[in-house]
Amino acid sequence: MRARDKVAVSALRSTLAALDNAEAVPVDEAALRGVALEQSPVGAGATEAARRELSEHSVAEIVRAEATERLEVAAQLTAPAHADRVARLRAEAAVLLRFLDGAGALRAR
C-alpha cells in the first residue's frame, strides 16, 4: 500500500506543478528589463501578478497530457533494465486517469 501511495504522490505532485505552470501569466520583454530602483513597487504583495484561471476542461487536458506523456515514455523504454521504471510510469498514468474518471463521475451526479 505504501508503494502505491508513493506512486500517487509522485504523479500528483508533478501534475500539480504542470497546472501551476499553466496558470502563470506570460511576462513581456519590458517587464523582464525591469524599472529603475526608485520606480520599484514597494510593500507586501506589490509585485504579485494575477494568475490565469484554468477552465475545468483545461485542467482535464493537462492531466490527460501528463498521463499520456508517462505512457509514451513507458512505451519507449523497452530494455529489461527499465522494467521497474516502466511499471512506475504506467502506475502513475493509471492514477491520473483514475482521477479523470473520478472527476467525470462526480460531475455527472
C-alpha atoms as a PDB file:
ATOM      1  CA  MET A   1       0.000   0.000   0.000  1.00  0.00           C
ATOM      2  CA  ARG A   2       2.814   2.418   0.858  1.00  0.00           C
ATOM      3  CA  ALA A   3       4.498   1.916  -2.521  1.00  0.00           C
ATOM      4  CA  ARG A   4       1.218   2.701  -4.224  1.00  0.00           C
ATOM      5  CA  ASP A   5       0.927   5.936  -2.215  1.00  0.00           C
ATOM      6  CA  LYS A   6       4.422   6.988  -3.325  1.00  0.00           C
ATOM      7  CA  VAL A   7       3.408   6.483  -6.935  1.00  0.00           C
ATOM      8  CA  ALA A   8       0.252   8.540  -6.469  1.00  0.00           C
ATOM      9  CA  VAL A   9       2.104  11.299  -4.630  1.00  0.00           C
ATOM     10  CA  SER A  10       4.741  11.469  -7.360  1.00  0.00           C
ATOM     11  CA  ALA A  11       2.160  11.629 -10.143  1.00  0.00           C
ATOM     12  CA  LEU A  12       0.034  14.217  -8.375  1.00  0.00           C
ATOM     13  CA  ARG A  13       2.977  16.435  -7.412  1.00  0.00           C
ATOM     14  CA  SER A  14       4.287  16.671 -10.950  1.00  0.00           C
ATOM     15  CA  THR A  15       0.781  17.213 -12.323  1.00  0.00           C
ATOM     16  CA  LEU A  16       0.107  19.977  -9.792  1.00  0.00           C
ATOM     17  CA  ALA A  17       3.363  21.613 -10.903  1.00  0.00           C
ATOM     18  CA  ALA A  18       2.208  21.417 -14.538  1.00  0.00           C
ATOM     19  CA  LEU A  19      -1.104  23.021 -13.557  1.00  0.00           C
ATOM     20  CA  ASP A  20       0.734  25.724 -11.620  1.00  0.00           C
ATOM     21  CA  ASN A  21       2.903  26.450 -14.666  1.00  0.00           C
ATOM     22  CA  ALA A  22      -0.180  26.662 -16.874  1.00  0.00           C
ATOM     23  CA  GLU A  23      -1.662  29.285 -14.565  1.00  0.00           C
ATOM     24  CA  ALA A  24       1.418  31.501 -14.868  1.00  0.00           C
ATOM     25  CA  VAL A  25       0.936  34.754 -16.693  1.00  0.00           C
ATOM     26  CA  PRO A  26       3.381  35.383 -19.550  1.00  0.00           C
ATOM     27  CA  VAL A  27       5.804  38.214 -18.882  1.00  0.00           C
ATOM     28  CA  ASP A  28       6.512  40.715 -21.637  1.00  0.00           C
ATOM     29  CA  GLU A  29      10.046  41.769 -22.538  1.00  0.00           C
ATOM     30  CA  ALA A  30       9.677  45.218 -20.953  1.00  0.00           C
ATOM     31  CA  ALA A  31       8.881  43.631 -17.611  1.00  0.00           C
ATOM     32  CA  LEU A  32      11.985  41.454 -17.859  1.00  0.00           C
ATOM     33  CA  ARG A  33      14.220  44.506 -18.161  1.00  0.00           C
ATOM     34  CA  GLY A  34      12.764  45.945 -15.002  1.00  0.00           C
ATOM     35  CA  VAL A  35      12.420  49.525 -13.899  1.00  0.00           C
ATOM     36  CA  ALA A  36      14.660  51.983 -12.158  1.00  0.00           C
ATOM     37  CA  LEU A  37      15.134  51.368  -8.460  1.00  0.00           C
ATOM     38  CA  GLU A  38      13.160  54.458  -7.500  1.00  0.00           C
ATOM     39  CA  GLN A  39      10.210  53.194  -9.578  1.00  0.00           C
ATOM     40  CA  SER A  40      10.195  49.748  -7.981  1.00  0.00           C
ATOM     41  CA  PRO A  41       6.947  48.668  -6.339  1.00  0.00           C
ATOM     42  CA  VAL A  42       7.128  48.642  -2.549  1.00  0.00           C
ATOM     43  CA  GLY A  43       5.054  46.825   0.041  1.00  0.00           C
ATOM     44  CA  ALA A  44       3.560  43.442   0.678  1.00  0.00           C
ATOM     45  CA  GLY A  45       2.113  41.946  -2.477  1.00  0.00           C
ATOM     46  CA  ALA A  46       3.251  44.845  -4.673  1.00  0.00           C
ATOM     47  CA  THR A  47       4.979  42.530  -7.117  1.00  0.00           C
ATOM     48  CA  GLU A  48       2.311  39.834  -7.200  1.00  0.00           C
ATOM     49  CA  ALA A  49       0.742  39.108 -10.567  1.00  0.00           C
ATOM     50  CA  ALA A  50      -2.719  37.719 -11.005  1.00  0.00           C
ATOM     51  CA  ARG A  51      -2.730  34.077 -12.086  1.00  0.00           C
ATOM     52  CA  ARG A  52      -4.721  32.784 -15.025  1.00  0.00           C
ATOM     53  CA  GLU A  53      -7.805  30.814 -14.146  1.00  0.00           C
ATOM     54  CA  LEU A  54      -7.945  27.461 -15.896  1.00  0.00           C
ATOM     55  CA  SER A  55     -11.255  26.043 -17.026  1.00  0.00           C
ATOM     56  CA  GLU A  56     -12.272  22.579 -15.933  1.00  0.00           C
ATOM     57  CA  HIS A  57     -11.647  21.422 -19.496  1.00  0.00           C
ATOM     58  CA  SER A  58      -8.116  22.900 -19.479  1.00  0.00           C
ATOM     59  CA  VAL A  59      -7.305  21.174 -16.200  1.00  0.00           C
ATOM     60  CA  ALA A  60      -8.557  17.844 -17.561  1.00  0.00           C
ATOM     61  CA  GLU A  61      -6.473  18.290 -20.725  1.00  0.00           C
ATOM     62  CA  ILE A  62      -3.316  18.979 -18.706  1.00  0.00           C
ATOM     63  CA  VAL A  63      -3.905  15.943 -16.501  1.00  0.00           C
ATOM     64  CA  ARG A  64      -4.585  13.822 -19.593  1.00  0.00           C
ATOM     65  CA  ALA A  65      -1.382  15.127 -21.230  1.00  0.00           C
ATOM     66  CA  GLU A  66       0.624  14.209 -18.126  1.00  0.00           C
ATOM     67  CA  ALA A  67      -0.784  10.660 -18.207  1.00  0.00           C
ATOM     68  CA  THR A  68      -0.168  10.351 -21.955  1.00  0.00           C
ATOM     69  CA  GLU A  69       3.413  11.525 -21.571  1.00  0.00           C
ATOM     70  CA  ARG A  70       4.077   8.832 -18.975  1.00  0.00           C
ATOM     71  CA  LEU A  71       2.573   6.129 -21.182  1.00  0.00           C
ATOM     72  CA  GLU A  72       4.601   7.281 -24.199  1.00  0.00           C
ATOM     73  CA  VAL A  73       7.862   7.234 -22.236  1.00  0.00           C
ATOM     74  CA  ALA A  74       6.981   3.797 -20.843  1.00  0.00           C
ATOM     75  CA  ALA A  75       6.412   2.520 -24.389  1.00  0.00           C
ATOM     76  CA  GLN A  76       9.836   3.792 -25.460  1.00  0.00           C
ATOM     77  CA  LEU A  77      11.684   2.053 -22.619  1.00  0.00           C
ATOM     78  CA  THR A  78      11.985  -1.470 -23.988  1.00  0.00           C
ATOM     79  CA  ALA A  79      15.167  -2.712 -22.292  1.00  0.00           C
ATOM     80  CA  PRO A  80      14.595  -5.192 -19.459  1.00  0.00           C
ATOM     81  CA  ALA A  81      16.748  -2.981 -17.224  1.00  0.00           C
ATOM     82  CA  HIS A  82      13.980  -0.362 -17.361  1.00  0.00           C
ATOM     83  CA  ALA A  83      11.171  -2.669 -16.228  1.00  0.00           C
ATOM     84  CA  ASP A  84      10.805  -1.002 -12.820  1.00  0.00           C
ATOM     85  CA  ARG A  85      10.696   2.474 -14.371  1.00  0.00           C
ATOM     86  CA  VAL A  86       8.127   1.339 -16.942  1.00  0.00           C
ATOM     87  CA  ALA A  87       5.931  -0.138 -14.199  1.00  0.00           C
ATOM     88  CA  ARG A  88       6.142   3.085 -12.187  1.00  0.00           C
ATOM     89  CA  LEU A  89       5.297   5.269 -15.196  1.00  0.00           C
ATOM     90  CA  ARG A  90       2.292   3.110 -16.043  1.00  0.00           C
ATOM     91  CA  ALA A  91       1.130   3.160 -12.414  1.00  0.00           C
ATOM     92  CA  GLU A  92       1.435   6.971 -12.319  1.00  0.00           C
ATOM     93  CA  ALA A  93      -0.549   7.246 -15.570  1.00  0.00           C
ATOM     94  CA  ALA A  94      -3.229   4.968 -14.100  1.00  0.00           C
ATOM     95  CA  VAL A  95      -3.509   7.208 -11.022  1.00  0.00           C
ATOM     96  CA  LEU A  96      -4.007  10.272 -13.210  1.00  0.00           C
ATOM     97  CA  LEU A  97      -6.519   8.554 -15.479  1.00  0.00           C
ATOM     98  CA  ARG A  98      -8.494   7.323 -12.466  1.00  0.00           C
ATOM     99  CA  PHE A  99      -8.547  10.896 -11.211  1.00  0.00           C
ATOM    100  CA  LEU A 100     -10.058  11.991 -14.528  1.00  0.00           C
ATOM    101  CA  ASP A 101     -12.612   9.185 -14.416  1.00  0.00           C
ATOM    102  CA  GLY A 102     -13.496  10.085 -10.826  1.00  0.00           C
ATOM    103  CA  ALA A 103     -13.892  13.776 -11.682  1.00  0.00           C
ATOM    104  CA  GLY A 104     -16.218  12.866 -14.538  1.00  0.00           C
ATOM    105  CA  ALA A 105     -18.304  10.669 -12.251  1.00  0.00           C
ATOM    106  CA  LEU A 106     -18.600  13.468  -9.700  1.00  0.00           C
ATOM    107  CA  ARG A 107     -19.696  15.951 -12.377  1.00  0.00           C
ATOM    108  CA  ALA A 108     -22.400  13.565 -13.629  1.00  0.00           C
ATOM    109  CA  ARG A 109     -24.108  13.434 -10.218  1.00  0.00           C
END
